[in-house]
Amino acid sequence: MMQGDTSNPRETLPAALQMMAKAKSSGTFTVTHDGQQAVILLSAGYILFASSTTGTRLGDAMVQKGVLGRETLEQVLAVQKRKKNKQPLATILAELGLVSREAAGVIVEQQIYEVIGEVMNWPSVTLDFEPMQTGFEDVIRPDSCSVERVLLNVATH
């Protein structure tokens, strides 16, 4: 486990993510600030997923973009809740044939950019990295979510 506090997340978060990418680490970064929380999931140094308590949840983003209906989302969330091995929503949607793996990957990628951009604008953060075994073989992997590419995209937008 790695932990730390910083008053400059614009520098510290990218440095921590780059260190994890270089080491091809897998695990969960939890970033907190004044009751807000973001989670960034890494597998072999690639960002697979990110969410925050203040941002739009992935399913809600899919409904807003017209990719999924609200009723369908609720049904899939119920399926997700019943699964013993907690799979990400995008993976379940693709397995059920409700969205293509490519479409799910694009939406996950957009969410990753939004969450990391949001967190980098928090005035101070506490970082906590919890390593874990991979086990993400079946998870939707956004094509362009290397740490370097995500940080470049966030920096230019």
N, C-alpha and C. Protein backbone atom coordinates (compact mmCIF):
# COMPACT_ATOMS: atom_id res chain seq x y z
N MET A 1 0.84 -1.17 0.00
CA MET A 1 0.00 0.00 0.00
C MET A 1 0.89 1.24 0.00
N MET A 2 0.47 2.24 -0.76
CA MET A 2 1.17 3.52 -0.81
C MET A 2 0.18 4.60 -0.43
N GLN A 3 0.57 5.51 0.45
CA GLN A 3 -0.30 6.59 0.87
C GLN A 3 0.46 7.90 0.89
N GLY A 4 -0.28 9.00 0.77
CA GLY A 4 0.36 10.30 0.88
C GLY A 4 -0.64 11.43 0.75
N ASP A 5 -0.28 12.55 1.29
CA ASP A 5 -1.08 13.77 1.19
C ASP A 5 -0.31 14.76 0.34
N THR A 6 -1.05 15.56 -0.42
CA THR A 6 -0.37 16.57 -1.23
C THR A 6 -1.26 17.79 -1.39
N SER A 7 -0.62 18.93 -1.45
CA SER A 7 -1.36 20.16 -1.70
C SER A 7 -1.26 20.55 -3.17
N ASN A 8 -0.64 19.69 -3.99
CA ASN A 8 -0.52 20.00 -5.41
C ASN A 8 -0.81 18.77 -6.27
N PRO A 9 -2.10 18.38 -6.38
CA PRO A 9 -2.44 17.19 -7.15
C PRO A 9 -2.10 17.29 -8.63
N ARG A 10 -1.94 18.52 -9.17
CA ARG A 10 -1.58 18.67 -10.59
C ARG A 10 -0.20 18.10 -10.87
N GLU A 11 0.64 18.05 -9.86
CA GLU A 11 1.97 17.46 -10.02
C GLU A 11 2.05 16.06 -9.43
N THR A 12 1.49 15.88 -8.25
CA THR A 12 1.64 14.62 -7.53
C THR A 12 0.87 13.47 -8.16
N LEU A 13 -0.37 13.69 -8.56
CA LEU A 13 -1.15 12.60 -9.15
C LEU A 13 -0.52 12.08 -10.43
N PRO A 14 -0.14 12.95 -11.38
CA PRO A 14 0.54 12.44 -12.58
C PRO A 14 1.81 11.67 -12.25
N ALA A 15 2.60 12.18 -11.30
CA ALA A 15 3.84 11.50 -10.93
C ALA A 15 3.55 10.11 -10.36
N ALA A 16 2.54 10.02 -9.50
CA ALA A 16 2.18 8.73 -8.90
C ALA A 16 1.66 7.76 -9.97
N LEU A 17 0.82 8.25 -10.87
CA LEU A 17 0.29 7.40 -11.94
C LEU A 17 1.42 6.93 -12.87
N GLN A 18 2.34 7.84 -13.19
CA GLN A 18 3.47 7.46 -14.06
C GLN A 18 4.35 6.41 -13.39
N MET A 19 4.56 6.54 -12.09
CA MET A 19 5.36 5.55 -11.36
C MET A 19 4.68 4.18 -11.41
N MET A 20 3.36 4.16 -11.23
CA MET A 20 2.62 2.89 -11.27
C MET A 20 2.63 2.30 -12.69
N ALA A 21 2.55 3.16 -13.70
CA ALA A 21 2.57 2.69 -15.09
C ALA A 21 3.92 2.08 -15.42
N LYS A 22 4.98 2.76 -15.01
CA LYS A 22 6.33 2.27 -15.29
C LYS A 22 6.57 0.91 -14.63
N ALA A 23 6.01 0.72 -13.45
CA ALA A 23 6.16 -0.54 -12.73
C ALA A 23 5.12 -1.58 -13.18
N LYS A 24 4.26 -1.18 -14.12
CA LYS A 24 3.17 -2.05 -14.61
C LYS A 24 2.32 -2.58 -13.44
N SER A 25 2.02 -1.68 -12.53
CA SER A 25 1.25 -2.03 -11.33
C SER A 25 -0.22 -2.22 -11.61
N SER A 26 -0.84 -3.05 -10.79
CA SER A 26 -2.29 -3.24 -10.83
C SER A 26 -2.83 -2.95 -9.44
N GLY A 27 -3.94 -2.25 -9.40
CA GLY A 27 -4.54 -1.93 -8.12
C GLY A 27 -5.47 -0.74 -8.23
N THR A 28 -5.84 -0.21 -7.08
CA THR A 28 -6.80 0.88 -7.01
C THR A 28 -6.19 2.09 -6.34
N PHE A 29 -6.25 3.22 -7.04
CA PHE A 29 -5.90 4.51 -6.45
C PHE A 29 -7.19 5.10 -5.90
N THR A 30 -7.19 5.47 -4.64
CA THR A 30 -8.30 6.20 -4.07
C THR A 30 -7.78 7.59 -3.75
N VAL A 31 -8.47 8.59 -4.27
CA VAL A 31 -8.06 9.98 -4.10
C VAL A 31 -9.19 10.69 -3.38
N THR A 32 -8.88 11.35 -2.25
CA THR A 32 -9.93 12.00 -1.48
C THR A 32 -9.58 13.47 -1.22
N HIS A 33 -10.66 14.26 -1.08
CA HIS A 33 -10.53 15.67 -0.73
C HIS A 33 -11.86 16.14 -0.14
N ASP A 34 -11.84 16.58 1.11
CA ASP A 34 -13.02 17.15 1.77
C ASP A 34 -14.30 16.35 1.52
N GLY A 35 -14.29 15.08 1.74
CA GLY A 35 -15.47 14.24 1.58
C GLY A 35 -15.73 13.78 0.16
N GLN A 36 -14.98 14.30 -0.80
CA GLN A 36 -15.09 13.85 -2.18
C GLN A 36 -14.12 12.69 -2.37
N GLN A 37 -14.50 11.77 -3.25
CA GLN A 37 -13.62 10.63 -3.48
C GLN A 37 -13.64 10.24 -4.95
N ALA A 38 -12.46 9.88 -5.44
CA ALA A 38 -12.34 9.34 -6.79
C ALA A 38 -11.57 8.03 -6.69
N VAL A 39 -11.91 7.10 -7.59
CA VAL A 39 -11.24 5.81 -7.64
C VAL A 39 -10.72 5.62 -9.06
N ILE A 40 -9.45 5.22 -9.16
CA ILE A 40 -8.82 4.97 -10.46
C ILE A 40 -8.28 3.56 -10.43
N LEU A 41 -8.77 2.72 -11.34
CA LEU A 41 -8.39 1.32 -11.38
C LEU A 41 -7.31 1.11 -12.44
N LEU A 42 -6.19 0.52 -12.02
CA LEU A 42 -5.07 0.25 -12.92
C LEU A 42 -4.88 -1.25 -13.09
N SER A 43 -4.50 -1.65 -14.29
CA SER A 43 -4.13 -3.04 -14.56
C SER A 43 -2.88 -3.03 -15.43
N ALA A 44 -1.82 -3.61 -14.92
CA ALA A 44 -0.54 -3.67 -15.63
C ALA A 44 -0.11 -2.28 -16.13
N GLY A 45 -0.39 -1.25 -15.32
CA GLY A 45 0.02 0.10 -15.65
C GLY A 45 -0.92 0.88 -16.54
N TYR A 46 -2.04 0.26 -16.97
CA TYR A 46 -3.02 0.96 -17.80
C TYR A 46 -4.24 1.31 -16.96
N ILE A 47 -4.84 2.45 -17.24
CA ILE A 47 -6.03 2.86 -16.52
C ILE A 47 -7.24 2.18 -17.16
N LEU A 48 -7.95 1.40 -16.36
CA LEU A 48 -9.13 0.69 -16.87
C LEU A 48 -10.42 1.44 -16.59
N PHE A 49 -10.44 2.21 -15.51
CA PHE A 49 -11.70 2.79 -15.08
C PHE A 49 -11.40 3.91 -14.09
N ALA A 50 -12.28 4.90 -14.04
CA ALA A 50 -12.22 5.95 -13.03
C ALA A 50 -13.62 6.44 -12.73
N SER A 51 -13.87 6.72 -11.47
CA SER A 51 -15.16 7.30 -11.10
C SER A 51 -14.95 8.22 -9.91
N SER A 52 -15.90 9.11 -9.71
CA SER A 52 -15.81 10.00 -8.55
C SER A 52 -17.20 10.20 -7.96
N THR A 53 -17.21 10.59 -6.70
CA THR A 53 -18.48 10.82 -6.03
C THR A 53 -19.16 12.09 -6.53
N THR A 54 -18.42 12.95 -7.21
CA THR A 54 -19.00 14.21 -7.68
C THR A 54 -19.32 14.19 -9.17
N GLY A 55 -18.79 13.22 -9.89
CA GLY A 55 -19.00 13.17 -11.34
C GLY A 55 -20.20 12.33 -11.74
N THR A 56 -20.45 12.27 -13.02
CA THR A 56 -21.54 11.47 -13.57
C THR A 56 -21.11 10.01 -13.58
N ARG A 57 -21.96 9.14 -13.07
CA ARG A 57 -21.65 7.71 -13.08
C ARG A 57 -21.73 7.19 -14.52
N LEU A 58 -21.01 6.12 -14.79
CA LEU A 58 -20.90 5.59 -16.15
C LEU A 58 -22.27 5.28 -16.76
N GLY A 59 -23.12 4.60 -16.03
CA GLY A 59 -24.45 4.26 -16.54
C GLY A 59 -25.27 5.50 -16.86
N ASP A 60 -25.21 6.48 -15.97
CA ASP A 60 -25.93 7.74 -16.21
C ASP A 60 -25.40 8.46 -17.45
N ALA A 61 -24.07 8.40 -17.64
CA ALA A 61 -23.47 9.02 -18.83
C ALA A 61 -23.98 8.32 -20.09
N MET A 62 -24.12 7.00 -20.03
CA MET A 62 -24.63 6.25 -21.19
C MET A 62 -26.08 6.61 -21.49
N VAL A 63 -26.88 6.82 -20.44
CA VAL A 63 -28.27 7.23 -20.63
C VAL A 63 -28.31 8.64 -21.22
N GLN A 64 -27.52 9.56 -20.68
CA GLN A 64 -27.49 10.94 -21.17
C GLN A 64 -27.07 11.02 -22.64
N LYS A 65 -26.17 10.12 -23.05
CA LYS A 65 -25.68 10.14 -24.43
C LYS A 65 -26.56 9.31 -25.36
N GLY A 66 -27.65 8.74 -24.83
CA GLY A 66 -28.57 7.98 -25.66
C GLY A 66 -28.10 6.58 -26.03
N VAL A 67 -27.05 6.11 -25.37
CA VAL A 67 -26.52 4.78 -25.67
C VAL A 67 -27.40 3.72 -25.04
N LEU A 68 -28.06 4.07 -23.94
CA LEU A 68 -28.82 3.12 -23.14
C LEU A 68 -30.06 3.81 -22.59
N GLY A 69 -31.14 3.08 -22.45
CA GLY A 69 -32.34 3.61 -21.82
C GLY A 69 -32.25 3.47 -20.31
N ARG A 70 -32.95 4.32 -19.56
CA ARG A 70 -32.92 4.30 -18.10
C ARG A 70 -33.39 2.94 -17.55
N GLU A 71 -34.47 2.40 -18.13
CA GLU A 71 -35.00 1.12 -17.65
C GLU A 71 -33.99 -0.01 -17.88
N THR A 72 -33.35 0.00 -19.03
CA THR A 72 -32.33 -1.02 -19.33
C THR A 72 -31.17 -0.90 -18.35
N LEU A 73 -30.75 0.33 -18.07
CA LEU A 73 -29.68 0.54 -17.11
C LEU A 73 -30.05 -0.05 -15.75
N GLU A 74 -31.24 0.21 -15.28
CA GLU A 74 -31.67 -0.31 -13.98
C GLU A 74 -31.66 -1.84 -13.97
N GLN A 75 -32.09 -2.46 -15.06
CA GLN A 75 -32.07 -3.92 -15.15
C GLN A 75 -30.64 -4.46 -15.11
N VAL A 76 -29.74 -3.81 -15.83
CA VAL A 76 -28.35 -4.27 -15.87
C VAL A 76 -27.68 -4.04 -14.52
N LEU A 77 -27.99 -2.95 -13.85
CA LEU A 77 -27.42 -2.72 -12.52
C LEU A 77 -27.88 -3.80 -11.54
N ALA A 78 -29.13 -4.27 -11.70
CA ALA A 78 -29.62 -5.37 -10.85
C ALA A 78 -28.84 -6.66 -11.14
N VAL A 79 -28.55 -6.91 -12.42
CA VAL A 79 -27.74 -8.08 -12.80
C VAL A 79 -26.35 -7.95 -12.19
N GLN A 80 -25.77 -6.76 -12.29
CA GLN A 80 -24.43 -6.52 -11.75
C GLN A 80 -24.40 -6.79 -10.24
N LYS A 81 -25.42 -6.35 -9.55
CA LYS A 81 -25.48 -6.53 -8.10
C LYS A 81 -25.53 -8.01 -7.71
N ARG A 82 -26.21 -8.83 -8.54
CA ARG A 82 -26.36 -10.26 -8.24
C ARG A 82 -25.10 -11.07 -8.55
N LYS A 83 -24.24 -10.55 -9.41
CA LYS A 83 -23.03 -11.30 -9.79
C LYS A 83 -22.08 -11.41 -8.61
N LYS A 84 -21.54 -12.62 -8.43
CA LYS A 84 -20.59 -12.83 -7.33
C LYS A 84 -19.26 -12.16 -7.63
N ASN A 85 -18.78 -12.31 -8.86
CA ASN A 85 -17.54 -11.62 -9.23
C ASN A 85 -17.92 -10.29 -9.83
N LYS A 86 -17.79 -9.25 -9.04
CA LYS A 86 -18.23 -7.90 -9.40
C LYS A 86 -17.56 -7.43 -10.69
N GLN A 87 -18.30 -7.48 -11.79
CA GLN A 87 -17.79 -7.02 -13.08
C GLN A 87 -18.19 -5.57 -13.31
N PRO A 88 -17.35 -4.82 -13.99
CA PRO A 88 -17.71 -3.44 -14.33
C PRO A 88 -18.93 -3.40 -15.25
N LEU A 89 -19.68 -2.33 -15.12
CA LEU A 89 -20.91 -2.15 -15.89
C LEU A 89 -20.67 -2.27 -17.40
N ALA A 90 -19.64 -1.63 -17.91
CA ALA A 90 -19.37 -1.66 -19.35
C ALA A 90 -19.15 -3.09 -19.85
N THR A 91 -18.48 -3.90 -19.06
CA THR A 91 -18.22 -5.29 -19.44
C THR A 91 -19.52 -6.08 -19.49
N ILE A 92 -20.38 -5.89 -18.51
CA ILE A 92 -21.68 -6.59 -18.49
C ILE A 92 -22.52 -6.17 -19.68
N LEU A 93 -22.56 -4.87 -19.97
CA LEU A 93 -23.34 -4.37 -21.11
C LEU A 93 -22.87 -5.00 -22.42
N ALA A 94 -21.55 -5.11 -22.58
CA ALA A 94 -21.00 -5.72 -23.79
C ALA A 94 -21.31 -7.21 -23.84
N GLU A 95 -21.19 -7.90 -22.71
CA GLU A 95 -21.49 -9.34 -22.67
C GLU A 95 -22.94 -9.62 -23.02
N LEU A 96 -23.84 -8.73 -22.60
CA LEU A 96 -25.27 -8.89 -22.89
C LEU A 96 -25.63 -8.43 -24.30
N GLY A 97 -24.66 -7.85 -25.01
CA GLY A 97 -24.91 -7.39 -26.37
C GLY A 97 -25.68 -6.09 -26.44
N LEU A 98 -25.73 -5.34 -25.33
CA LEU A 98 -26.48 -4.08 -25.31
C LEU A 98 -25.67 -2.93 -25.89
N VAL A 99 -24.35 -3.04 -25.83
CA VAL A 99 -23.46 -2.09 -26.47
C VAL A 99 -22.26 -2.87 -27.00
N SER A 100 -21.61 -2.34 -28.00
CA SER A 100 -20.41 -3.00 -28.50
C SER A 100 -19.26 -2.73 -27.53
N ARG A 101 -18.26 -3.58 -27.55
CA ARG A 101 -17.08 -3.37 -26.71
C ARG A 101 -16.42 -2.04 -27.05
N GLU A 102 -16.45 -1.69 -28.34
CA GLU A 102 -15.83 -0.44 -28.78
C GLU A 102 -16.57 0.77 -28.20
N ALA A 103 -17.90 0.76 -28.29
CA ALA A 103 -18.69 1.88 -27.77
C ALA A 103 -18.52 2.00 -26.26
N ALA A 104 -18.53 0.88 -25.58
CA ALA A 104 -18.33 0.90 -24.12
C ALA A 104 -16.95 1.45 -23.80
N GLY A 105 -15.94 1.04 -24.56
CA GLY A 105 -14.57 1.52 -24.34
C GLY A 105 -14.45 3.02 -24.50
N VAL A 106 -15.13 3.57 -25.50
CA VAL A 106 -15.08 5.02 -25.75
C VAL A 106 -15.69 5.79 -24.57
N ILE A 107 -16.81 5.31 -24.05
CA ILE A 107 -17.47 5.99 -22.94
C ILE A 107 -16.65 5.87 -21.66
N VAL A 108 -16.06 4.70 -21.42
CA VAL A 108 -15.19 4.51 -20.26
C VAL A 108 -14.00 5.46 -20.37
N GLU A 109 -13.43 5.56 -21.56
CA GLU A 109 -12.28 6.45 -21.78
C GLU A 109 -12.65 7.91 -21.48
N GLN A 110 -13.80 8.36 -21.95
CA GLN A 110 -14.23 9.73 -21.68
C GLN A 110 -14.38 9.97 -20.18
N GLN A 111 -14.92 8.97 -19.50
CA GLN A 111 -15.10 9.12 -18.05
C GLN A 111 -13.74 9.19 -17.34
N ILE A 112 -12.79 8.39 -17.78
CA ILE A 112 -11.45 8.43 -17.19
C ILE A 112 -10.87 9.84 -17.32
N TYR A 113 -10.96 10.42 -18.52
CA TYR A 113 -10.44 11.77 -18.74
C TYR A 113 -11.13 12.78 -17.82
N GLU A 114 -12.44 12.69 -17.71
CA GLU A 114 -13.20 13.64 -16.88
C GLU A 114 -12.81 13.53 -15.41
N VAL A 115 -12.74 12.30 -14.90
CA VAL A 115 -12.44 12.11 -13.48
C VAL A 115 -11.03 12.58 -13.15
N ILE A 116 -10.05 12.20 -13.94
CA ILE A 116 -8.68 12.60 -13.64
C ILE A 116 -8.52 14.11 -13.78
N GLY A 117 -9.16 14.71 -14.78
CA GLY A 117 -9.13 16.17 -14.91
C GLY A 117 -9.75 16.85 -13.70
N GLU A 118 -10.85 16.30 -13.21
CA GLU A 118 -11.52 16.85 -12.03
C GLU A 118 -10.60 16.76 -10.80
N VAL A 119 -10.03 15.59 -10.56
CA VAL A 119 -9.18 15.37 -9.39
C VAL A 119 -7.95 16.28 -9.42
N MET A 120 -7.38 16.47 -10.59
CA MET A 120 -6.20 17.32 -10.69
C MET A 120 -6.50 18.79 -10.37
N ASN A 121 -7.78 19.15 -10.36
CA ASN A 121 -8.17 20.51 -10.01
C ASN A 121 -8.59 20.66 -8.56
N TRP A 122 -8.61 19.56 -7.81
CA TRP A 122 -8.89 19.67 -6.38
C TRP A 122 -7.70 20.38 -5.73
N PRO A 123 -7.93 21.24 -4.73
CA PRO A 123 -6.82 22.00 -4.15
C PRO A 123 -5.80 21.16 -3.38
N SER A 124 -6.22 20.08 -2.79
CA SER A 124 -5.31 19.17 -2.08
C SER A 124 -5.97 17.80 -2.06
N VAL A 125 -5.16 16.76 -1.96
CA VAL A 125 -5.72 15.41 -1.99
C VAL A 125 -4.93 14.49 -1.07
N THR A 126 -5.57 13.40 -0.71
CA THR A 126 -4.91 12.28 -0.07
C THR A 126 -4.95 11.15 -1.08
N LEU A 127 -3.78 10.56 -1.35
CA LEU A 127 -3.66 9.45 -2.30
C LEU A 127 -3.45 8.16 -1.53
N ASP A 128 -4.12 7.12 -1.98
CA ASP A 128 -3.95 5.80 -1.37
C ASP A 128 -3.96 4.78 -2.50
N PHE A 129 -2.88 4.02 -2.66
CA PHE A 129 -2.83 2.98 -3.69
C PHE A 129 -2.83 1.62 -3.02
N GLU A 130 -3.79 0.81 -3.39
CA GLU A 130 -3.92 -0.54 -2.86
C GLU A 130 -3.63 -1.53 -3.98
N PRO A 131 -2.46 -2.20 -3.95
CA PRO A 131 -2.15 -3.16 -5.01
C PRO A 131 -3.10 -4.35 -4.96
N MET A 132 -3.33 -4.94 -6.11
CA MET A 132 -4.17 -6.14 -6.15
C MET A 132 -3.76 -7.01 -7.32
N GLN A 133 -4.16 -8.26 -7.25
CA GLN A 133 -3.90 -9.17 -8.36
C GLN A 133 -4.71 -8.68 -9.54
N THR A 134 -4.28 -9.00 -10.73
CA THR A 134 -4.97 -8.49 -11.91
C THR A 134 -6.42 -8.94 -11.93
N GLY A 135 -6.74 -10.08 -12.49
CA GLY A 135 -8.12 -10.52 -12.54
C GLY A 135 -9.01 -9.66 -13.41
N PHE A 136 -8.42 -8.86 -14.29
CA PHE A 136 -9.19 -7.95 -15.13
C PHE A 136 -9.18 -8.39 -16.58
N GLU A 137 -8.99 -9.67 -16.82
CA GLU A 137 -8.84 -10.16 -18.19
C GLU A 137 -10.06 -9.88 -19.07
N ASP A 138 -11.25 -9.97 -18.49
CA ASP A 138 -12.48 -9.79 -19.28
C ASP A 138 -13.02 -8.37 -19.26
N VAL A 139 -12.34 -7.48 -18.60
CA VAL A 139 -12.82 -6.11 -18.46
C VAL A 139 -12.61 -5.34 -19.76
N ILE A 140 -13.57 -4.48 -20.09
CA ILE A 140 -13.42 -3.59 -21.24
C ILE A 140 -12.18 -2.74 -21.02
N ARG A 141 -11.30 -2.75 -21.98
CA ARG A 141 -10.07 -1.96 -21.89
C ARG A 141 -10.11 -0.86 -22.94
N PRO A 142 -10.26 0.38 -22.51
CA PRO A 142 -10.21 1.47 -23.50
C PRO A 142 -8.88 1.42 -24.25
N ASP A 143 -8.94 1.57 -25.56
CA ASP A 143 -7.76 1.43 -26.41
C ASP A 143 -6.63 2.40 -26.08
N SER A 144 -6.98 3.60 -25.69
CA SER A 144 -5.95 4.62 -25.56
C SER A 144 -5.80 5.13 -24.14
N CYS A 145 -5.86 4.26 -23.17
CA CYS A 145 -5.79 4.71 -21.78
C CYS A 145 -4.48 4.35 -21.09
N SER A 146 -3.39 4.50 -21.84
CA SER A 146 -2.11 4.45 -21.16
C SER A 146 -2.06 5.69 -20.28
N VAL A 147 -1.33 5.61 -19.20
CA VAL A 147 -1.24 6.75 -18.29
C VAL A 147 -0.73 7.98 -19.02
N GLU A 148 0.27 7.81 -19.88
CA GLU A 148 0.84 8.95 -20.60
C GLU A 148 -0.21 9.63 -21.47
N ARG A 149 -0.99 8.83 -22.18
CA ARG A 149 -2.00 9.41 -23.08
C ARG A 149 -3.11 10.11 -22.29
N VAL A 150 -3.53 9.51 -21.20
CA VAL A 150 -4.57 10.14 -20.38
C VAL A 150 -4.07 11.47 -19.84
N LEU A 151 -2.86 11.49 -19.31
CA LEU A 151 -2.33 12.74 -18.74
C LEU A 151 -2.15 13.80 -19.82
N LEU A 152 -1.72 13.40 -21.00
CA LEU A 152 -1.60 14.35 -22.11
C LEU A 152 -2.95 14.91 -22.49
N ASN A 153 -3.97 14.06 -22.58
CA ASN A 153 -5.31 14.51 -22.93
C ASN A 153 -5.86 15.47 -21.88
N VAL A 154 -5.69 15.13 -20.62
CA VAL A 154 -6.19 16.00 -19.54
C VAL A 154 -5.47 17.34 -19.56
N ALA A 155 -4.17 17.33 -19.80
CA ALA A 155 -3.38 18.57 -19.80
C ALA A 155 -3.76 19.50 -20.94
N THR A 156 -4.21 18.94 -22.07
CA THR A 156 -4.53 19.77 -23.23
C THR A 156 -6.00 20.17 -23.31
N HIS A 157 -6.81 19.73 -22.36
CA HIS A 157 -8.24 20.10 -22.38
C HIS A 157 -8.65 20.86 -21.15
